[in-house]
PDB file of N, CA and C in Angstrom:
ATOM      1  N   MET A   1     -13.777 -36.108 -14.810  1.00  0.00           N
ATOM      2  CA  MET A   1     -14.172 -35.517 -14.502  1.00  0.00           C
ATOM      3  C   MET A   1     -13.250 -35.870 -12.908  1.00  0.00           C
ATOM      4  N   SER A   2     -12.837 -34.521 -12.528  1.00  0.00           N
ATOM      5  CA  SER A   2     -12.293 -33.881 -11.179  1.00  0.00           C
ATOM      6  C   SER A   2     -13.379 -34.111  -9.479  1.00  0.00           C
ATOM      7  N   THR A   3     -13.146 -34.241  -8.981  1.00  0.00           N
ATOM      8  CA  THR A   3     -13.668 -34.789  -7.521  1.00  0.00           C
ATOM      9  C   THR A   3     -12.811 -33.766  -6.984  1.00  0.00           C
ATOM     10  N   SER A   4     -11.816 -33.311  -7.418  1.00  0.00           N
ATOM     11  CA  SER A   4     -11.005 -32.093  -5.936  1.00  0.00           C
ATOM     12  C   SER A   4     -11.895 -30.398  -5.903  1.00  0.00           C
ATOM     13  N   SER A   5     -11.927 -29.908  -4.655  1.00  0.00           N
ATOM     14  CA  SER A   5     -13.244 -28.961  -4.373  1.00  0.00           C
ATOM     15  C   SER A   5     -12.227 -27.471  -4.648  1.00  0.00           C
ATOM     16  N   SER A   6     -11.003 -27.761  -5.233  1.00  0.00           N
ATOM     17  CA  SER A   6      -9.868 -26.457  -5.410  1.00  0.00           C
ATOM     18  C   SER A   6     -10.798 -26.083  -7.298  1.00  0.00           C
ATOM     19  N   PRO A   7     -10.118 -24.185  -7.169  1.00  0.00           N
ATOM     20  CA  PRO A   7     -10.844 -24.300  -8.800  1.00  0.00           C
ATOM     21  C   PRO A   7     -10.348 -24.605  -9.909  1.00  0.00           C
ATOM     22  N   SER A   8     -10.963 -24.221 -10.688  1.00  0.00           N
ATOM     23  CA  SER A   8     -10.500 -24.479 -11.722  1.00  0.00           C
ATOM     24  C   SER A   8      -9.130 -24.511 -11.992  1.00  0.00           C
ATOM     25  N   PRO A   9      -8.531 -24.228 -13.481  1.00  0.00           N
ATOM     26  CA  PRO A   9      -7.417 -23.329 -13.810  1.00  0.00           C
ATOM     27  C   PRO A   9      -8.629 -21.788 -14.675  1.00  0.00           C
ATOM     28  N   GLY A  10      -7.920 -20.800 -14.310  1.00  0.00           N
ATOM     29  CA  GLY A  10      -8.071 -19.638 -14.831  1.00  0.00           C
ATOM     30  C   GLY A  10      -9.633 -19.275 -14.125  1.00  0.00           C
ATOM     31  N   SER A  11      -9.996 -19.606 -13.242  1.00  0.00           N
ATOM     32  CA  SER A  11     -11.242 -19.463 -12.468  1.00  0.00           C
ATOM     33  C   SER A  11     -10.890 -18.454 -11.585  1.00  0.00           C
ATOM     34  N   SER A  12     -12.259 -17.501 -11.384  1.00  0.00           N
ATOM     35  CA  SER A  12     -12.299 -15.817 -10.479  1.00  0.00           C
ATOM     36  C   SER A  12     -12.502 -16.813  -8.973  1.00  0.00           C
ATOM     37  N   ARG A  13     -13.171 -17.365  -8.920  1.00  0.00           N
ATOM     38  CA  ARG A  13     -13.282 -18.027  -7.904  1.00  0.00           C
ATOM     39  C   ARG A  13     -12.414 -17.523  -6.618  1.00  0.00           C
ATOM     40  N   ARG A  14     -12.918 -16.529  -5.683  1.00  0.00           N
ATOM     41  CA  ARG A  14     -12.520 -15.457  -4.531  1.00  0.00           C
ATOM     42  C   ARG A  14     -12.527 -16.463  -2.870  1.00  0.00           C
ATOM     43  N   PRO A  15     -11.188 -16.612  -2.077  1.00  0.00           N
ATOM     44  CA  PRO A  15     -11.870 -17.146  -1.050  1.00  0.00           C
ATOM     45  C   PRO A  15     -12.373 -16.354  -0.444  1.00  0.00           C
ATOM     46  N   SER A  16     -12.920 -17.384   0.985  1.00  0.00           N
ATOM     47  CA  SER A  16     -13.403 -15.934   1.647  1.00  0.00           C
ATOM     48  C   SER A  16     -13.231 -15.813   2.629  1.00  0.00           C
ATOM     49  N   ALA A  17     -13.972 -14.766   3.249  1.00  0.00           N
ATOM     50  CA  ALA A  17     -12.990 -14.045   4.764  1.00  0.00           C
ATOM     51  C   ALA A  17     -12.792 -14.820   5.799  1.00  0.00           C
ATOM     52  N   SER A  18     -13.576 -16.002   5.594  1.00  0.00           N
ATOM     53  CA  SER A  18     -12.957 -17.246   6.936  1.00  0.00           C
ATOM     54  C   SER A  18     -11.594 -17.546   6.242  1.00  0.00           C
ATOM     55  N   ARG A  19     -10.956 -17.948   5.712  1.00  0.00           N
ATOM     56  CA  ARG A  19     -10.209 -18.119   4.857  1.00  0.00           C
ATOM     57  C   ARG A  19      -9.634 -17.357   4.442  1.00  0.00           C
ATOM     58  N   VAL A  20      -9.165 -15.690   4.464  1.00  0.00           N
ATOM     59  CA  VAL A  20      -8.023 -15.287   4.588  1.00  0.00           C
ATOM     60  C   VAL A  20      -6.987 -15.004   5.619  1.00  0.00           C
ATOM     61  N   ARG A  21      -5.687 -15.891   5.699  1.00  0.00           N
ATOM     62  CA  ARG A  21      -5.321 -15.323   7.019  1.00  0.00           C
ATOM     63  C   ARG A  21      -3.951 -14.416   6.182  1.00  0.00           C
ATOM     64  N   VAL A  22      -4.246 -14.000   7.806  1.00  0.00           N
ATOM     65  CA  VAL A  22      -3.103 -12.902   8.126  1.00  0.00           C
ATOM     66  C   VAL A  22      -1.745 -13.224   9.152  1.00  0.00           C
ATOM     67  N   PRO A  23      -0.821 -12.860   8.399  1.00  0.00           N
ATOM     68  CA  PRO A  23       0.327 -13.371   9.466  1.00  0.00           C
ATOM     69  C   PRO A  23       0.332 -12.558  10.732  1.00  0.00           C
ATOM     70  N   LYS A  24       0.845 -13.550  11.253  1.00  0.00           N
ATOM     71  CA  LYS A  24       0.966 -13.202  13.176  1.00  0.00           C
ATOM     72  C   LYS A  24       1.575 -11.912  12.988  1.00  0.00           C
ATOM     73  N   PRO A  25       1.365 -11.037  13.822  1.00  0.00           N
ATOM     74  CA  PRO A  25       2.788  -9.530  13.994  1.00  0.00           C
ATOM     75  C   PRO A  25       4.032  -9.618  14.699  1.00  0.00           C
ATOM     76  N   THR A  26       4.490  -9.485  13.891  1.00  0.00           N
ATOM     77  CA  THR A  26       6.111  -9.106  14.484  1.00  0.00           C
ATOM     78  C   THR A  26       6.640  -8.629  14.842  1.00  0.00           C
ATOM     79  N   PRO A  27       7.753  -8.600  16.051  1.00  0.00           N
ATOM     80  CA  PRO A  27       8.308  -7.531  16.824  1.00  0.00           C
ATOM     81  C   PRO A  27       8.220  -6.340  15.616  1.00  0.00           C
ATOM     82  N   LYS A  28       8.641  -5.255  16.106  1.00  0.00           N
ATOM     83  CA  LYS A  28       9.038  -3.962  15.999  1.00  0.00           C
ATOM     84  C   LYS A  28      10.080  -3.623  16.431  1.00  0.00           C
ATOM     85  N   ARG A  29      10.715  -2.740  15.156  1.00  0.00           N
ATOM     86  CA  ARG A  29      11.970  -2.594  15.204  1.00  0.00           C
ATOM     87  C   ARG A  29      12.857  -0.869  14.020  1.00  0.00           C
ATOM     88  N   PHE A  30      13.179  -0.130  14.597  1.00  0.00           N
ATOM     89  CA  PHE A  30      14.243  -0.102  13.504  1.00  0.00           C
ATOM     90  C   PHE A  30      15.118  -0.615  12.674  1.00  0.00           C
ATOM     91  N   TYR A  31      15.434   0.039  11.555  1.00  0.00           N
ATOM     92  CA  TYR A  31      16.229  -0.441  10.982  1.00  0.00           C
ATOM     93  C   TYR A  31      17.909   0.717  11.238  1.00  0.00           C
ATOM     94  N   GLY A  32      18.757   0.389  11.570  1.00  0.00           N
ATOM     95  CA  GLY A  32      19.442   1.476  12.230  1.00  0.00           C
ATOM     96  C   GLY A  32      19.489   2.216  12.601  1.00  0.00           C
ATOM     97  N   HIS A  33      19.019   3.838  13.791  1.00  0.00           N
ATOM     98  CA  HIS A  33      19.490   3.895  14.716  1.00  0.00           C
ATOM     99  C   HIS A  33      18.195   4.672  14.853  1.00  0.00           C
ATOM    100  N   GLY A  34      17.432   4.445  14.007  1.00  0.00           N
ATOM    101  CA  GLY A  34      15.723   4.673  14.298  1.00  0.00           C
ATOM    102  C   GLY A  34      15.751   6.418  13.857  1.00  0.00           C
ATOM    103  N   ILE A  35      14.291   6.767  14.512  1.00  0.00           N
ATOM    104  CA  ILE A  35      14.122   8.071  14.150  1.00  0.00           C
ATOM    105  C   ILE A  35      13.982   9.001  15.877  1.00  0.00           C
ATOM    106  N   PRO A  36      14.929   9.996  15.454  1.00  0.00           N
ATOM    107  CA  PRO A  36      15.266  10.696  17.389  1.00  0.00           C
ATOM    108  C   PRO A  36      13.963  11.153  17.506  1.00  0.00           C
ATOM    109  N   GLY A  37      13.791  10.578  19.551  1.00  0.00           N
ATOM    110  CA  GLY A  37      12.830  10.958  20.019  1.00  0.00           C
ATOM    111  C   GLY A  37      11.782  10.287  19.470  1.00  0.00           C
ATOM    112  N   VAL A  38      11.701   9.303  19.044  1.00  0.00           N
ATOM    113  CA  VAL A  38      10.306   8.135  18.521  1.00  0.00           C
ATOM    114  C   VAL A  38      11.050   7.048  19.541  1.00  0.00           C
ATOM    115  N   GLU A  39       9.513   6.943  20.445  1.00  0.00           N
ATOM    116  CA  GLU A  39       9.536   5.676  20.712  1.00  0.00           C
ATOM    117  C   GLU A  39       8.744   4.837  20.089  1.00  0.00           C
ATOM    118  N   ILE A  40       9.458   4.076  19.793  1.00  0.00           N
ATOM    119  CA  ILE A  40       8.863   2.958  18.881  1.00  0.00           C
ATOM    120  C   ILE A  40       8.079   2.155  19.433  1.00  0.00           C
ATOM    121  N   SER A  41       7.877   1.147  20.783  1.00  0.00           N
ATOM    122  CA  SER A  41       6.291   1.128  21.328  1.00  0.00           C
ATOM    123  C   SER A  41       4.987   2.154  21.599  1.00  0.00           C
ATOM    124  N   LYS A  42       5.571   3.904  21.059  1.00  0.00           N
ATOM    125  CA  LYS A  42       4.319   4.367  21.289  1.00  0.00           C
ATOM    126  C   LYS A  42       3.767   4.033  19.665  1.00  0.00           C
ATOM    127  N   LEU A  43       4.459   3.541  18.474  1.00  0.00           N
ATOM    128  CA  LEU A  43       3.775   3.642  17.558  1.00  0.00           C
ATOM    129  C   LEU A  43       2.517   2.048  17.010  1.00  0.00           C
ATOM    130  N   LEU A  44       1.481   2.914  16.330  1.00  0.00           N
ATOM    131  CA  LEU A  44       0.693   1.990  16.937  1.00  0.00           C
ATOM    132  C   LEU A  44       0.333   1.661  15.151  1.00  0.00           C
ATOM    133  N   GLY A  45      -0.894   0.308  14.509  1.00  0.00           N
ATOM    134  CA  GLY A  45      -1.178   0.503  13.430  1.00  0.00           C
ATOM    135  C   GLY A  45      -0.147  -0.345  12.677  1.00  0.00           C
ATOM    136  N   LYS A  46      -0.413  -0.465  11.238  1.00  0.00           N
ATOM    137  CA  LYS A  46       0.810  -1.312  10.011  1.00  0.00           C
ATOM    138  C   LYS A  46       0.481  -0.681   8.561  1.00  0.00           C
ATOM    139  N   LEU A  47       1.438   0.058   8.763  1.00  0.00           N
ATOM    140  CA  LEU A  47       1.789   0.050   7.197  1.00  0.00           C
ATOM    141  C   LEU A  47       2.053  -0.749   5.708  1.00  0.00           C
ATOM    142  N   ILE A  48       0.528  -0.337   5.288  1.00  0.00           N
ATOM    143  CA  ILE A  48       1.023  -1.438   3.544  1.00  0.00           C
ATOM    144  C   ILE A  48       0.976  -0.032   2.443  1.00  0.00           C
ATOM    145  N   VAL A  49       1.837  -1.235   1.992  1.00  0.00           N
ATOM    146  CA  VAL A  49       2.594  -0.142   1.017  1.00  0.00           C
ATOM    147  C   VAL A  49       1.792  -0.921  -0.420  1.00  0.00           C
ATOM    148  N   VAL A  50       0.922  -0.273  -1.230  1.00  0.00           N
ATOM    149  CA  VAL A  50       0.688  -0.603  -2.359  1.00  0.00           C
ATOM    150  C   VAL A  50       1.246  -0.068  -3.994  1.00  0.00           C
ATOM    151  N   GLU A  51       2.045  -0.726  -4.834  1.00  0.00           N
ATOM    152  CA  GLU A  51       3.270   0.036  -5.846  1.00  0.00           C
ATOM    153  C   GLU A  51       2.599  -0.842  -7.100  1.00  0.00           C
ATOM    154  N   GLY A  52       2.342  -0.239  -8.130  1.00  0.00           N
ATOM    155  CA  GLY A  52       1.935  -0.663  -9.469  1.00  0.00           C
ATOM    156  C   GLY A  52       2.469   0.369 -10.245  1.00  0.00           C
ATOM    157  N   ALA A  53       2.374   0.134 -11.564  1.00  0.00           N
ATOM    158  CA  ALA A  53       2.315   0.939 -13.079  1.00  0.00           C
ATOM    159  C   ALA A  53       1.087   1.418 -13.030  1.00  0.00           C
ATOM    160  N   ASP A  54       0.803   2.977 -13.447  1.00  0.00           N
ATOM    161  CA  ASP A  54      -0.440   2.431 -14.089  1.00  0.00           C
ATOM    162  C   ASP A  54      -1.734   2.076 -15.169  1.00  0.00           C
ATOM    163  N   GLY A  55      -2.584   1.813 -14.717  1.00  0.00           N
ATOM    164  CA  GLY A  55      -3.872   0.585 -15.241  1.00  0.00           C
ATOM    165  C   GLY A  55      -3.314  -0.211 -15.053  1.00  0.00           C
ATOM    166  N   SER A  56      -2.311  -0.497 -13.932  1.00  0.00           N
ATOM    167  CA  SER A  56      -2.266  -2.169 -12.844  1.00  0.00           C
ATOM    168  C   SER A  56      -3.102  -2.493 -12.088  1.00  0.00           C
ATOM    169  N   GLY A  57      -4.359  -2.444 -11.420  1.00  0.00           N
ATOM    170  CA  GLY A  57      -5.353  -2.119 -10.476  1.00  0.00           C
ATOM    171  C   GLY A  57      -5.213  -1.973  -9.614  1.00  0.00           C
ATOM    172  N   ARG A  58      -3.723  -0.952  -9.434  1.00  0.00           N
ATOM    173  CA  ARG A  58      -4.089  -0.819  -8.234  1.00  0.00           C
ATOM    174  C   ARG A  58      -4.913   0.065  -6.950  1.00  0.00           C
ATOM    175  N   SER A  59      -5.272   0.898  -7.423  1.00  0.00           N
ATOM    176  CA  SER A  59      -6.557   2.294  -6.886  1.00  0.00           C
ATOM    177  C   SER A  59      -8.132   0.720  -6.852  1.00  0.00           C
ATOM    178  N   THR A  60      -8.121  -0.141  -7.544  1.00  0.00           N
ATOM    179  CA  THR A  60      -8.533  -1.238  -7.459  1.00  0.00           C
ATOM    180  C   THR A  60      -8.780  -2.257  -6.124  1.00  0.00           C
ATOM    181  N   GLN A  61      -7.378  -3.013  -5.677  1.00  0.00           N
ATOM    182  CA  GLN A  61      -6.858  -3.193  -4.852  1.00  0.00           C
ATOM    183  C   GLN A  61      -7.240  -2.504  -3.533  1.00  0.00           C
ATOM    184  N   ILE A  62      -6.934  -1.217  -4.206  1.00  0.00           N
ATOM    185  CA  ILE A  62      -6.631  -0.266  -2.703  1.00  0.00           C
ATOM    186  C   ILE A  62      -8.071  -0.378  -1.853  1.00  0.00           C
ATOM    187  N   ALA A  63      -9.230  -0.282  -3.161  1.00  0.00           N
ATOM    188  CA  ALA A  63     -10.122   0.319  -1.972  1.00  0.00           C
ATOM    189  C   ALA A  63     -10.998  -0.735  -1.917  1.00  0.00           C
ATOM    190  N   GLN A  64     -10.255  -2.440  -2.610  1.00  0.00           N
ATOM    191  CA  GLN A  64     -11.040  -3.395  -2.349  1.00  0.00           C
ATOM    192  C   GLN A  64      -9.846  -3.782  -0.227  1.00  0.00           C
ATOM    193  N   LEU A  65      -9.417  -3.671  -0.180  1.00  0.00           N
ATOM    194  CA  LEU A  65      -7.970  -3.674   0.795  1.00  0.00           C
ATOM    195  C   LEU A  65      -9.176  -2.776   1.944  1.00  0.00           C
ATOM    196  N   VAL A  66      -9.109  -1.622   2.289  1.00  0.00           N
ATOM    197  CA  VAL A  66     -10.014  -0.724   2.645  1.00  0.00           C
ATOM    198  C   VAL A  66     -11.669  -1.207   2.928  1.00  0.00           C
ATOM    199  N   THR A  67     -12.083  -1.834   1.925  1.00  0.00           N
ATOM    200  CA  THR A  67     -13.144  -1.619   2.381  1.00  0.00           C
ATOM    201  C   THR A  67     -13.449  -3.208   3.266  1.00  0.00           C
ATOM    202  N   TRP A  68     -12.307  -4.615   2.870  1.00  0.00           N
ATOM    203  CA  TRP A  68     -12.348  -5.187   4.162  1.00  0.00           C
ATOM    204  C   TRP A  68     -11.989  -4.662   5.589  1.00  0.00           C
ATOM    205  N   LEU A  69     -10.531  -3.752   5.350  1.00  0.00           N
ATOM    206  CA  LEU A  69     -10.086  -3.500   6.828  1.00  0.00           C
ATOM    207  C   LEU A  69     -11.303  -2.929   7.427  1.00  0.00           C
ATOM    208  N   GLU A  70     -11.839  -1.916   6.976  1.00  0.00           N
ATOM    209  CA  GLU A  70     -13.025  -0.863   7.875  1.00  0.00           C
ATOM    210  C   GLU A  70     -13.705  -1.892   7.993  1.00  0.00           C
ATOM    211  N   GLY A  71     -14.424  -3.324   7.305  1.00  0.00           N
ATOM    212  CA  GLY A  71     -16.150  -3.964   7.775  1.00  0.00           C
ATOM    213  C   GLY A  71     -14.917  -4.215   8.332  1.00  0.00           C
ATOM    214  N   ARG A  72     -13.857  -4.639   9.266  1.00  0.00           N
ATOM    215  CA  ARG A  72     -13.422  -5.501  10.521  1.00  0.00           C
ATOM    216  C   ARG A  72     -13.220  -4.980  11.029  1.00  0.00           C
ATOM    217  N   GLY A  73     -13.217  -3.160  11.360  1.00  0.00           N
ATOM    218  CA  GLY A  73     -13.496  -2.412  12.759  1.00  0.00           C
ATOM    219  C   GLY A  73     -12.273  -1.934  12.429  1.00  0.00           C
ATOM    220  N   HIS A  74     -11.479  -1.846  11.344  1.00  0.00           N
ATOM    221  CA  HIS A  74      -9.605  -1.555  11.318  1.00  0.00           C
ATOM    222  C   HIS A  74      -9.792   0.011  10.738  1.00  0.00           C
ATOM    223  N   ALA A  75      -9.279   1.410  10.895  1.00  0.00           N
ATOM    224  CA  ALA A  75      -9.468   2.324  10.304  1.00  0.00           C
ATOM    225  C   ALA A  75      -8.529   2.408  10.069  1.00  0.00           C
ATOM    226  N   THR A  76      -8.134   3.018   9.060  1.00  0.00           N
ATOM    227  CA  THR A  76      -7.417   3.189   7.046  1.00  0.00           C
ATOM    228  C   THR A  76      -6.628   4.289   7.028  1.00  0.00           C
ATOM    229  N   VAL A  77      -6.356   4.597   6.799  1.00  0.00           N
ATOM    230  CA  VAL A  77      -5.668   6.665   6.276  1.00  0.00           C
ATOM    231  C   VAL A  77      -4.971   5.521   4.852  1.00  0.00           C
ATOM    232  N   GLN A  78      -5.368   6.507   3.736  1.00  0.00           N
ATOM    233  CA  GLN A  78      -4.655   6.518   2.622  1.00  0.00           C
ATOM    234  C   GLN A  78      -3.956   7.742   1.900  1.00  0.00           C
ATOM    235  N   VAL A  79      -2.621   7.246   1.950  1.00  0.00           N
ATOM    236  CA  VAL A  79      -1.244   8.631   1.728  1.00  0.00           C
ATOM    237  C   VAL A  79      -1.019   8.491   0.901  1.00  0.00           C
ATOM    238  N   GLY A  80      -1.206   9.121  -0.399  1.00  0.00           N
ATOM    239  CA  GLY A  80      -0.383   8.775  -1.729  1.00  0.00           C
ATOM    240  C   GLY A  80       0.981   9.924  -2.403  1.00  0.00           C
ATOM    241  N   LEU A  81       1.518   9.707  -3.025  1.00  0.00           N
ATOM    242  CA  LEU A  81       2.510  10.775  -3.190  1.00  0.00           C
ATOM    243  C   LEU A  81       2.224  11.941  -3.991  1.00  0.00           C
ATOM    244  N   LYS A  82       1.400  12.180  -4.753  1.00  0.00           N
ATOM    245  CA  LYS A  82       0.254  13.697  -4.731  1.00  0.00           C
ATOM    246  C   LYS A  82      -0.383  14.258  -3.342  1.00  0.00           C
ATOM    247  N   ARG A  83      -0.664  13.541  -2.512  1.00  0.00           N
ATOM    248  CA  ARG A  83      -1.285  14.330  -1.658  1.00  0.00           C
ATOM    249  C   ARG A  83       0.671  14.893  -0.735  1.00  0.00           C
ATOM    250  N   SER A  84       1.471  14.423  -0.722  1.00  0.00           N
ATOM    251  CA  SER A  84       2.810  14.697   0.199  1.00  0.00           C
ATOM    252  C   SER A  84       2.798  16.776  -0.250  1.00  0.00           C
ATOM    253  N   THR A  85       2.296  16.974   0.983  1.00  0.00           N
ATOM    254  CA  THR A  85       3.428  18.453   1.031  1.00  0.00           C
ATOM    255  C   THR A  85       4.446  18.946   0.317  1.00  0.00           C
ATOM    256  N   LEU A  86       5.505  18.052   0.843  1.00  0.00           N
ATOM    257  CA  LEU A  86       6.594  17.854   0.423  1.00  0.00           C
ATOM    258  C   LEU A  86       7.376  17.906  -1.470  1.00  0.00           C
ATOM    259  N   VAL A  87       6.313  17.679  -1.857  1.00  0.00           N
ATOM    260  CA  VAL A  87       6.826  17.547  -2.933  1.00  0.00           C
ATOM    261  C   VAL A  87       5.694  17.471  -4.959  1.00  0.00           C
ATOM    262  N   SER A  88       4.092  17.438  -3.500  1.00  0.00           N
ATOM    263  CA  SER A  88       2.431  18.170  -4.384  1.00  0.00           C
ATOM    264  C   SER A  88       2.767  18.698  -5.988  1.00  0.00           C
ATOM    265  N   GLU A  89       2.890  20.423  -5.389  1.00  0.00           N
ATOM    266  CA  GLU A  89       3.000  20.200  -6.061  1.00  0.00           C
ATOM    267  C   GLU A  89       4.083  20.728  -7.362  1.00  0.00           C
ATOM    268  N   GLU A  90       4.944  20.129  -7.581  1.00  0.00           N
ATOM    269  CA  GLU A  90       6.240  19.440  -8.266  1.00  0.00           C
ATOM    270  C   GLU A  90       5.456  18.794  -9.584  1.00  0.00           C
ATOM    271  N   LEU A  91       5.065  17.586  -8.674  1.00  0.00           N
ATOM    272  CA  LEU A  91       4.580  16.320  -9.490  1.00  0.00           C
ATOM    273  C   LEU A  91       2.825  17.284 -10.223  1.00  0.00           C
ATOM    274  N   SER A  92       2.649  17.761  -9.706  1.00  0.00           N
ATOM    275  CA  SER A  92       1.398  18.800 -10.077  1.00  0.00           C
ATOM    276  C   SER A  92       1.928  19.484 -11.693  1.00  0.00           C
ATOM    277  N   ARG A  93       3.183  19.842 -11.524  1.00  0.00           N
ATOM    278  CA  ARG A  93       2.840  20.944 -12.125  1.00  0.00           C
ATOM    279  C   ARG A  93       3.810  19.563 -13.910  1.00  0.00           C
ATOM    280  N   ALA A  94       4.683  18.887 -13.366  1.00  0.00           N
ATOM    281  CA  ALA A  94       5.028  17.789 -14.070  1.00  0.00           C
ATOM    282  C   ALA A  94       4.222  17.479 -14.884  1.00  0.00           C
ATOM    283  N   GLN A  95       2.734  17.016 -14.013  1.00  0.00           N
ATOM    284  CA  GLN A  95       1.790  16.470 -14.573  1.00  0.00           C
ATOM    285  C   GLN A  95       1.157  17.106 -16.108  1.00  0.00           C
ATOM    286  N   GLN A  96       1.612  18.867 -15.670  1.00  0.00           N
ATOM    287  CA  GLN A  96       0.652  19.914 -16.874  1.00  0.00           C
ATOM    288  C   GLN A  96       2.170  19.919 -17.901  1.00  0.00           C
ATOM    289  N   GLY A  97       2.598  18.835 -17.776  1.00  0.00           N
ATOM    290  CA  GLY A  97       3.096  18.302 -19.103  1.00  0.00           C
ATOM    291  C   GLY A  97       5.210  18.385 -19.087  1.00  0.00           C
ATOM    292  N   ASN A  98       5.386  18.761 -18.185  1.00  0.00           N
ATOM    293  CA  ASN A  98       6.817  19.000 -17.797  1.00  0.00           C
ATOM    294  C   ASN A  98       7.702  18.169 -17.822  1.00  0.00           C
ATOM    295  N   ILE A  99       7.777  16.818 -18.515  1.00  0.00           N
ATOM    296  CA  ILE A  99       8.622  15.947 -18.235  1.00  0.00           C
ATOM    297  C   ILE A  99       9.740  15.734 -17.300  1.00  0.00           C
ATOM    298  N   LEU A 100       9.823  14.047 -16.715  1.00  0.00           N
ATOM    299  CA  LEU A 100      10.597  14.190 -15.810  1.00  0.00           C
ATOM    300  C   LEU A 100      11.253  13.304 -16.090  1.00  0.00           C
ATOM    301  N   SER A 101      12.498  13.376 -15.482  1.00  0.00           N
ATOM    302  CA  SER A 101      13.299  11.682 -15.548  1.00  0.00           C
ATOM    303  C   SER A 101      13.378  11.440 -14.934  1.00  0.00           C
ATOM    304  N   HIS A 102      14.487  10.300 -15.147  1.00  0.00           N
ATOM    305  CA  HIS A 102      13.826   8.807 -14.204  1.00  0.00           C
ATOM    306  C   HIS A 102      14.531   8.832 -12.434  1.00  0.00           C
ATOM    307  N   THR A 103      15.652   9.411 -12.565  1.00  0.00           N
ATOM    308  CA  THR A 103      16.677  10.498 -11.492  1.00  0.00           C
ATOM    309  C   THR A 103      15.618  11.232 -11.126  1.00  0.00           C
ATOM    310  N   THR A 104      15.195  11.938 -11.542  1.00  0.00           N
ATOM    311  CA  THR A 104      13.849  13.385 -10.321  1.00  0.00           C
ATOM    312  C   THR A 104      12.723  12.731 -10.340  1.00  0.00           C
ATOM    313  N   LEU A 105      12.302  11.855 -11.520  1.00  0.00           N
ATOM    314  CA  LEU A 105      10.769  10.766 -10.336  1.00  0.00           C
ATOM    315  C   LEU A 105      11.364   9.982  -8.857  1.00  0.00           C
ATOM    316  N   SER A 106      12.401   9.105  -9.397  1.00  0.00           N
ATOM    317  CA  SER A 106      13.106   8.525  -7.938  1.00  0.00           C
ATOM    318  C   SER A 106      13.030   9.522  -7.096  1.00  0.00           C
ATOM    319  N   LEU A 107      14.103  10.903  -6.975  1.00  0.00           N
ATOM    320  CA  LEU A 107      14.480  11.780  -6.287  1.00  0.00           C
ATOM    321  C   LEU A 107      12.914  11.747  -5.544  1.00  0.00           C
ATOM    322  N   PHE A 108      12.313  11.780  -6.279  1.00  0.00           N
ATOM    323  CA  PHE A 108      10.838  12.548  -5.626  1.00  0.00           C
ATOM    324  C   PHE A 108      10.505  11.639  -4.712  1.00  0.00           C
ATOM    325  N   TYR A 109      10.287  10.380  -4.809  1.00  0.00           N
ATOM    326  CA  TYR A 109       9.683   9.180  -3.872  1.00  0.00           C
ATOM    327  C   TYR A 109      10.543   9.339  -3.259  1.00  0.00           C
ATOM    328  N   ALA A 110      11.655   9.375  -3.263  1.00  0.00           N
ATOM    329  CA  ALA A 110      12.862   9.605  -1.736  1.00  0.00           C
ATOM    330  C   ALA A 110      12.456  10.477  -0.705  1.00  0.00           C
ATOM    331  N   THR A 111      12.512  11.926  -1.521  1.00  0.00           N
ATOM    332  CA  THR A 111      11.783  12.571  -0.770  1.00  0.00           C
ATOM    333  C   THR A 111      10.523  12.370   0.007  1.00  0.00           C
ATOM    334  N   ASP A 112       9.856  12.064  -0.653  1.00  0.00           N
ATOM    335  CA  ASP A 112       8.876  11.297   0.122  1.00  0.00           C
ATOM    336  C   ASP A 112       9.115  11.490   1.845  1.00  0.00           C
TER     337      ASP A 112
END
C-alpha cells in the first residue's frame, strides 16, 4: 500500500491549473542583426510553436492551450503554414496529388 500522493504509473491525472508552472520572462533579444526598422522594445506577446507529425495530437494540444490561455485573459492567434500567403497555394496543390520532396517541403517551411 502506497502512502504517496503522487499518481500511479500510467495514471492520466492532470495537474490542476494552480499547479501549472509558467517560466519567468526572459529578456527579449534578436539573434544576429535583427530586423531593420523593428524596435525590440515594442514587440509584445509570446510566440509558442507546436510541431508534430500528422496524427500526433498537435491540434488537440493547441486547442487545450488556447482554451487555457484565453481562460486566463490572454488573446491568442493561430498561424499555420497553410494560412501563409507565401506558400498556401503551393501546399494546396501538393495536397491534391503532387508529391513534394523532403528538400522542397523544407524550403516551404524556410520560406514561411
